Protein backbone atom coordinates (compact mmCIF):
# COMPACT_ATOMS: atom_id res chain seq x y z
CA MET A 1 69.50 135.06 70.65
CA SER A 2 72.05 137.80 71.48
CA LEU A 3 72.95 138.82 74.99
CA LYS A 4 71.10 142.09 74.44
CA ASP A 5 67.92 140.18 73.63
CA ARG A 6 68.10 138.12 76.82
CA ALA A 7 65.45 138.94 79.38
CA GLN A 8 67.44 140.52 82.19
CA PRO A 9 66.56 140.20 85.88
CA PRO A 10 65.60 143.42 87.68
CA ARG A 11 68.41 145.44 89.21
CA PRO A 12 68.59 145.50 93.00
CA SER A 13 67.38 148.52 94.95
CA HIS A 14 70.04 150.94 96.12
CA PRO A 15 70.11 151.77 99.83
CA LYS A 16 70.90 155.34 100.73
CA GLY A 17 74.63 155.96 100.40
CA TRP A 18 75.08 153.19 97.85
CA GLU A 19 73.66 154.88 94.78
CA PRO A 20 75.55 154.12 91.58
CA GLY A 21 77.59 157.01 90.21
CA ILE A 22 80.88 158.88 90.39
CA SER A 23 82.16 161.75 92.45
CA TRP A 24 85.30 163.77 91.68
CA ASP A 25 86.87 166.77 93.40
CA GLY A 26 89.72 167.27 91.01
CA GLY A 27 92.20 165.15 92.97
CA GLU A 28 90.37 162.08 94.09
CA GLY A 29 86.95 160.52 93.97
CA GLU A 30 84.80 157.45 94.26
CA LEU A 31 83.23 155.13 91.73
CA SER A 32 80.23 153.04 92.70
CA THR A 33 78.26 150.58 90.64
CA GLY A 34 75.74 150.05 93.35
CA PRO A 35 75.28 146.73 95.19
CA ILE A 36 75.99 143.68 93.00
CA GLU A 37 74.06 140.52 93.82
CA ALA A 38 75.35 137.19 92.52
CA GLY A 39 73.94 136.42 89.10
CA ASP A 40 71.32 139.14 89.48
CA GLU A 41 72.69 141.90 87.25
CA PRO A 42 73.40 141.75 83.51
CA LEU A 43 77.18 142.17 83.89
CA TRP A 44 77.87 139.22 86.19
CA TYR A 45 75.09 137.15 84.68
CA ASN A 46 76.80 137.37 81.31
CA LEU A 47 80.36 137.00 82.62
CA ILE A 48 79.54 133.87 84.61
CA GLU A 49 77.99 132.34 81.52
CA ASP A 50 81.00 133.35 79.43
CA TRP A 51 83.23 131.52 81.90
CA GLY A 52 81.28 128.33 81.15
CA PHE A 53 79.18 128.20 84.33
CA ASP A 54 75.43 128.21 84.77
CA PRO A 55 74.51 131.58 86.35
CA LYS A 56 71.53 129.88 87.93
CA ALA A 57 73.80 127.43 89.75
CA VAL A 58 76.74 129.63 90.82
CA SER A 59 76.95 133.08 92.34
CA VAL A 60 79.51 135.77 93.11
CA VAL A 61 80.88 135.62 96.65
CA ASP A 62 80.03 138.75 98.58
CA GLY A 63 82.98 141.10 99.00
CA SER A 64 85.14 139.36 96.40
CA VAL A 65 84.52 141.67 93.46
CA GLN A 66 87.51 143.57 92.11
CA VAL A 67 87.27 146.05 89.23
CA ARG A 68 90.43 147.62 87.87
CA ALA A 69 90.77 150.10 85.00
CA TRP A 70 93.67 151.65 83.16
CA ASP A 71 94.45 153.56 79.98
CA ALA A 72 96.37 151.85 77.19
CA ASN A 73 97.78 153.14 73.94
CA MET A 74 96.15 151.10 71.21
CA GLY A 75 97.69 152.18 67.88
CA GLY A 76 97.94 155.82 68.89
CA GLU A 77 94.51 155.88 70.51
CA ILE A 78 94.13 155.93 74.29
CA VAL A 79 91.65 153.22 75.29
CA ARG A 80 90.25 152.59 78.73
CA LEU A 81 90.58 148.87 79.61
CA LYS A 82 88.77 147.22 82.51
CA TYR A 83 89.59 144.08 84.50
CA TYR A 84 86.95 142.26 86.57
CA ARG A 85 87.79 139.65 89.19
CA CYS A 86 85.63 137.80 91.70
CA ARG A 87 85.19 134.50 93.45
CA ILE A 88 82.19 132.36 92.62
CA GLU A 89 80.56 129.56 94.55
CA GLN A 90 78.02 126.90 93.77
CA THR A 91 74.57 127.74 95.04
CA ARG A 92 72.60 124.86 93.54
CA VAL A 93 73.46 121.40 92.30
CA ASN A 94 72.46 120.90 88.69
CA THR A 95 69.72 118.29 88.83
CA ALA A 96 67.70 116.62 86.15
CA ASP A 97 64.01 117.24 85.81
CA LEU A 98 62.40 114.45 87.85
CA GLU A 99 59.04 114.68 86.13
CA GLU A 100 60.71 114.42 82.71
CA LEU A 101 62.67 111.37 83.89
CA ILE A 102 59.47 109.70 85.09
CA ALA A 103 57.80 110.50 81.78
CA MET A 104 60.77 108.93 79.96
CA VAL A 105 60.33 105.74 81.99
CA LYS A 106 56.63 105.61 81.17
CA ARG A 107 57.27 106.15 77.45
CA ARG A 108 59.74 103.28 77.28
CA ARG A 109 58.37 100.12 75.71
CA PRO A 110 60.29 96.82 75.69
CA PRO A 111 61.57 95.79 72.26
CA ALA A 112 59.82 92.93 70.54
CA LYS A 113 63.09 90.98 70.68
CA VAL A 114 66.02 91.64 73.01
CA PRO A 115 69.17 91.96 70.87
CA THR A 116 71.96 89.52 71.69
CA ASP A 117 75.50 90.73 72.30
CA LEU A 118 77.93 90.44 69.42
CA GLY A 119 81.25 88.66 69.85
CA GLU A 120 82.56 85.33 71.01
CA LYS A 121 81.34 83.56 74.13
CA ALA A 122 81.97 80.23 75.82
CA LEU A 123 80.63 78.45 78.88
CA VAL A 124 83.17 77.79 81.66
CA VAL A 125 82.44 74.87 84.01
CA ALA A 126 84.69 74.77 87.08
CA LEU A 127 85.29 71.24 88.39
CA SER A 128 86.48 72.19 91.87
CA ASP A 129 87.13 70.33 95.11
CA TRP A 130 85.32 67.06 94.49
CA GLN A 131 87.53 65.22 97.04
CA VAL A 132 86.25 61.86 95.82
CA GLY A 133 86.67 59.15 98.43
CA LYS A 134 85.88 61.32 101.44
CA ALA A 135 83.56 59.46 103.79
CA GLY A 136 81.49 60.07 106.89
CA GLU A 137 81.29 63.83 106.57
CA VAL A 138 78.42 66.33 106.68
CA ASN A 139 76.64 65.28 103.49
CA GLY A 140 77.65 61.63 103.42
CA GLY A 141 80.41 59.77 101.61
CA THR A 142 81.13 58.85 98.01
CA PRO A 143 77.66 57.45 97.14
CA GLU A 144 76.02 60.70 98.28
CA PHE A 145 78.67 62.71 96.41
CA LEU A 146 77.89 60.83 93.21
CA GLU A 147 74.17 61.55 93.49
CA ARG A 148 74.90 65.21 94.12
CA LEU A 149 77.39 65.51 91.23
CA LEU A 150 75.28 63.67 88.65
CA ALA A 151 72.21 65.75 89.51
CA THR A 152 74.31 68.91 89.25
CA MET A 153 75.70 67.89 85.86
CA ASP A 154 72.17 67.33 84.55
CA ARG A 155 71.50 71.00 85.35
CA VAL A 156 74.78 72.01 83.70
CA TYR A 157 73.85 70.16 80.49
CA ASP A 158 70.44 71.82 80.42
CA ARG A 159 72.01 75.22 81.00
CA ALA A 160 74.51 74.70 78.18
CA LYS A 161 71.70 73.84 75.75
CA LYS A 162 69.73 76.89 76.84
CA LEU A 163 72.74 79.20 76.39
CA ARG A 164 73.37 77.74 72.94
CA LYS A 165 69.78 78.47 71.94
CA GLU A 166 69.69 81.97 73.44
CA GLN A 167 73.26 83.19 72.83
CA GLY A 168 74.74 80.86 70.24
CA ILE A 169 77.31 79.40 72.65
CA ASP A 170 78.75 76.16 71.31
CA THR A 171 81.99 75.78 73.30
CA VAL A 172 82.40 74.49 76.85
CA TYR A 173 85.59 74.84 78.89
CA LEU A 174 85.89 72.03 81.46
CA VAL A 175 88.61 73.00 83.91
CA GLY A 176 89.75 70.97 86.91
CA LEU A 177 90.46 73.36 89.78
CA GLY A 178 92.21 70.75 91.92
CA ASP A 179 91.41 68.49 94.87
CA MET A 180 89.54 66.13 92.58
CA ILE A 181 90.43 63.27 94.95
CA GLU A 182 90.57 63.12 98.74
CA ASN A 183 93.80 61.04 98.82
CA CYS A 184 94.46 58.78 101.79
CA ASP A 185 97.19 60.27 103.97
CA GLY A 186 99.26 63.33 104.76
CA HIS A 187 96.67 66.11 104.88
CA TYR A 188 95.24 65.73 108.38
CA ALA A 189 95.71 63.24 111.18
CA ALA A 190 92.56 61.12 110.77
CA GLN A 191 92.47 61.18 106.97
CA THR A 192 93.30 57.47 106.55
CA PHE A 193 90.23 56.60 108.64
CA ASN A 194 87.96 59.03 106.79
CA VAL A 195 88.08 57.65 103.26
CA ASP A 196 85.85 55.01 101.68
CA LEU A 197 88.01 54.44 98.57
CA ASP A 198 91.74 53.86 98.23
CA ARG A 199 93.81 56.22 96.11
CA ARG A 200 93.73 54.14 92.94
CA SER A 201 89.95 53.80 93.19
CA GLN A 202 89.55 57.53 93.76
CA VAL A 203 91.54 58.34 90.62
CA ARG A 204 89.68 55.76 88.58
CA LEU A 205 86.26 57.09 89.62
CA VAL A 206 87.24 60.69 88.85
CA ARG A 207 88.51 59.60 85.44
CA GLN A 208 85.23 57.80 84.69
CA LEU A 209 83.18 60.80 85.77
CA ILE A 210 85.11 63.32 83.68
CA MET A 211 84.99 61.05 80.63
CA GLN A 212 81.23 60.75 81.05
CA ILE A 213 80.90 64.55 81.26
CA ILE A 214 82.98 64.98 78.09
CA ASP A 215 80.96 62.30 76.28
CA GLN A 216 77.72 64.03 77.24
CA PHE A 217 78.82 67.38 75.82
CA VAL A 218 80.29 65.74 72.70
CA GLY A 219 77.02 63.89 72.18
CA GLN A 220 75.15 67.20 72.33
CA GLY A 221 77.40 68.67 69.63
CA PHE A 222 79.46 71.03 71.78
CA ARG A 223 83.10 71.82 71.25
CA VAL A 224 84.97 71.01 74.49
CA VAL A 225 88.24 72.47 75.80
CA ILE A 226 90.01 70.72 78.69
CA GLY A 227 92.31 72.22 81.32
CA ALA A 228 93.51 71.47 84.86
CA VAL A 229 95.56 72.89 87.74
CA PRO A 230 96.96 70.95 90.73
CA GLY A 231 95.47 71.06 94.22
CA ASN A 232 96.96 70.12 97.56
CA HIS A 233 94.97 66.88 98.00
CA GLY A 234 96.37 65.52 94.74
CA GLU A 235 99.99 65.95 95.84
CA ASN A 236 102.30 62.96 96.27
CA ARG A 237 103.12 63.38 99.95
CA ARG A 238 105.33 61.76 102.56
CA GLY A 239 104.95 62.72 106.19
CA GLY A 240 102.46 65.39 105.25
CA LYS A 241 104.76 67.12 102.75
CA ALA A 242 105.07 66.93 98.96
CA PHE A 243 108.48 65.39 98.44
CA THR A 244 109.06 64.84 94.70
CA ASN A 245 109.01 67.66 92.17
CA VAL A 246 106.17 69.18 94.20
CA PHE A 247 104.21 71.07 91.56
CA THR A 248 103.34 68.53 88.90
CA ASP A 249 103.56 65.12 90.62
CA ASN A 250 99.88 65.43 91.32
CA ASP A 251 96.84 63.23 90.71
CA ASP A 252 94.77 66.30 89.79
CA LEU A 253 96.95 66.63 86.69
CA ALA A 254 97.57 62.93 86.10
CA VAL A 255 93.88 62.14 85.73
CA PHE A 256 93.48 64.75 82.98
CA GLU A 257 96.61 63.48 81.25
CA GLN A 258 95.10 60.02 81.25
CA ILE A 259 91.89 61.38 79.78
CA ALA A 260 93.83 63.18 77.02
CA GLU A 261 95.62 59.92 76.16
CA ILE A 262 92.33 58.00 76.04
CA MET A 263 90.84 60.54 73.64
CA SER A 264 93.94 60.51 71.44
CA HIS A 265 93.15 56.88 70.56
CA ASN A 266 89.69 57.79 69.28
CA VAL A 267 90.33 60.92 67.25
CA GLU A 268 87.14 60.63 65.22
CA ARG A 269 84.85 60.63 68.25
CA TYR A 270 86.74 63.36 70.10
CA ALA A 271 87.53 65.56 67.12
CA ASN A 272 85.77 68.50 68.84
CA VAL A 273 87.68 68.07 72.13
CA SER A 274 90.99 69.87 72.57
CA VAL A 275 93.64 70.19 75.26
CA PRO A 276 95.60 73.37 74.42
CA SER A 277 99.32 73.50 75.04
CA GLY A 278 99.89 74.26 78.72
CA ALA A 279 96.22 73.70 79.63
CA ILE A 280 97.28 70.83 81.89
CA ALA A 281 99.32 73.08 84.13
CA GLU A 282 103.08 72.87 84.19
CA ASP A 283 103.14 74.82 87.45
CA HIS A 284 100.66 75.85 90.14
CA THR A 285 98.64 78.03 87.77
CA MET A 286 97.39 78.09 84.21
CA THR A 287 95.86 80.74 81.93
CA LEU A 288 93.56 80.13 78.95
CA ASP A 289 92.23 82.37 76.21
CA VAL A 290 88.50 81.83 76.61
CA ALA A 291 86.77 83.34 73.56
CA GLY A 292 89.07 86.34 73.59
CA VAL A 293 89.29 86.84 77.37
CA ALA A 294 92.31 85.76 79.44
CA VAL A 295 91.08 83.57 82.30
CA GLY A 296 93.57 82.41 84.94
CA PHE A 297 93.07 79.32 87.08
CA ALA A 298 94.67 78.38 90.41
CA HIS A 299 93.61 75.91 93.07
CA GLY A 300 94.24 78.48 95.80
CA HIS A 301 96.40 76.64 98.38
CA GLN A 302 99.36 78.76 97.24
CA ILE A 303 97.47 82.01 97.88
CA LYS A 304 98.62 83.85 100.99
CA GLY A 305 97.17 87.11 102.26
CA GLY A 306 94.04 86.90 100.12
CA ALA A 307 93.60 86.38 96.39
CA PRO A 308 93.54 90.09 95.35
CA LEU A 309 96.93 90.74 97.00
CA TRP A 310 98.38 87.47 95.66
CA TRP A 311 97.12 88.32 92.15
CA GLN A 312 98.65 91.78 92.40
CA LYS A 313 102.02 90.24 93.28
CA GLN A 314 101.75 87.87 90.31
CA ALA A 315 101.20 90.86 88.05
CA HIS A 316 104.14 92.72 89.62
CA GLY A 317 106.33 89.68 89.04
CA ARG A 318 105.20 89.51 85.39
CA GLN A 319 103.75 86.03 85.83
CA GLU A 320 101.31 84.97 83.13
CA ILE A 321 98.35 84.70 85.48
CA GLY A 322 99.02 88.28 86.61
CA SER A 323 97.82 89.55 83.24
CA ALA A 324 94.57 87.56 83.27
CA ASP A 325 91.26 89.44 83.07
CA ILE A 326 89.51 86.90 85.31
CA LEU A 327 90.95 84.73 88.10
CA VAL A 328 89.17 81.50 89.09
CA SER A 329 90.26 79.68 92.26
CA GLY A 330 89.04 76.93 94.58
CA HIS A 331 90.39 75.41 97.83
CA PHE A 332 88.34 77.47 100.31
CA HIS A 333 85.01 75.76 99.50
CA HIS A 334 82.79 78.85 99.42
CA LEU A 335 81.69 81.31 96.75
CA ILE A 336 83.29 84.74 96.39
CA VAL A 337 82.94 87.14 93.46
CA ASN A 338 85.18 90.19 93.82
CA GLU A 339 85.57 93.05 91.31
CA SER A 340 87.41 95.50 93.58
CA SER A 341 90.52 95.59 91.39
CA GLY A 342 88.68 96.34 88.15
CA ARG A 343 89.17 92.72 87.18
CA THR A 344 87.16 89.79 88.52
CA TRP A 345 88.18 87.10 90.99
CA MET A 346 85.80 84.15 91.35
CA GLN A 347 86.30 81.67 94.18
CA CYS A 348 84.46 78.40 93.56
CA PRO A 349 82.26 76.53 96.00
CA ALA A 350 83.08 72.84 96.44
CA MET A 351 81.24 69.71 95.37
CA ASP A 352 82.68 68.13 98.52
CA GLY A 353 80.10 67.38 101.19
CA GLY A 354 81.62 69.63 103.85
CA SER A 355 83.86 69.15 106.88
CA ARG A 356 82.68 68.69 110.46
CA TRP A 357 86.18 69.47 111.70
CA TYR A 358 86.34 72.77 109.83
CA THR A 359 82.89 73.77 111.06
CA ALA A 360 83.84 72.80 114.64
CA GLN A 361 86.94 75.01 114.37
CA SER A 362 85.49 78.03 112.60
CA GLY A 363 81.73 77.77 112.94
CA ALA A 364 81.58 78.30 109.16
CA SER A 365 80.05 76.17 106.45
CA ALA A 366 78.89 76.65 102.86
CA PRO A 367 76.53 74.77 100.54
CA SER A 368 77.96 72.48 97.88
CA GLY A 369 77.80 73.64 94.29
CA MET A 370 79.47 73.99 90.89
CA LEU A 371 80.45 77.40 89.51
CA THR A 372 79.55 78.10 85.88
CA PHE A 373 79.76 81.33 83.91
CA VAL A 374 79.95 82.67 80.37
CA ALA A 375 83.20 84.34 79.30
CA GLY A 376 84.35 86.01 76.12
CA SER A 377 84.71 89.18 74.11
CA GLY A 378 80.94 89.23 73.61
CA CYS A 379 80.29 89.74 77.33
CA GLY A 380 81.06 93.44 77.45
CA GLU A 381 83.42 95.32 79.74
CA ARG A 382 83.55 92.65 82.46
CA GLY A 383 84.44 89.85 80.07
CA TRP A 384 81.94 87.53 81.76
CA SER A 385 78.21 87.17 82.31
CA ASP A 386 75.52 84.66 83.30
CA LEU A 387 77.25 83.38 86.44
CA ALA A 388 75.36 80.54 88.12
CA VAL A 389 76.16 78.10 90.92
CA LEU A 390 74.41 74.81 90.16
């Protein structure tokens, strides 16, 4: 449809003294187009549309119209050129048709089968803050911890089988987030009197538990990837301070090293279990490629000023964990999921039974639990999905 064919709105009435026309006395004169209302006359209606605006949504600001004209020599012919200028303002926000939107909702029918996302995925299971050997606290000592952990792992196994059936996930990342043992001294004054296992027994029990978890997944046909970072409770301390090489002289790492050595002597059984190079951390942090997504792990005791700021500094310093898409941390015993940076930080809850002293100091407490989530290139823009605390 041409502009001439467009149905034009009626012209405004012309009050006395504002009639359109021209007067000329031989030396000077006046030119009047009559009153121009925003978007109401063919000229401005068409010009506004030519400028790429909706003439129903914007209008000409009163008093802003300028019209200039001059003669120009165009190839020997004198041509009158005109210049129009005005200010426009929005008079209505462009909104969708609500009734049409409602009709669209009503027409929608669920598909017979929900399509699954394409791409790789893996289940991440965060083994965080077990503090095995801690006694006499809010939710009991080691026997109560064992009941809680074993019941939780039953739910993790069931979830893994469900995800394999629904999404084809066949790989599980088991990552120790630190503080797997309580240790016996050097972390707080009464620690020696608040443990029900000595250090050797704590390490042995953790080793048995992790081996049982691995065996369960292997028996179900999953591929298993192992990793670990050091926590503060695993440090070799004297007088409350780590005193050897600080970072890696740590039971949180040693227990996973022992597990890797055990599996290396039964290659046939553990053929589907791997410990990638660097997965048992050589420093405070570790980063793994989880099905095409970089996931960084840190216990969290080294984090000062909050994890987002700490992570930003790691990126500025070109540290490997600074380039991770997802950061997983522990230490603070309560769940946080933060996407404020465009990437995701997940802080794990603890399997530990809680601390009366911490609650007495802060008034705060959090339920025990184990963080699990799916990660990988098949999870869309976030790189993760299906987060659950079990």
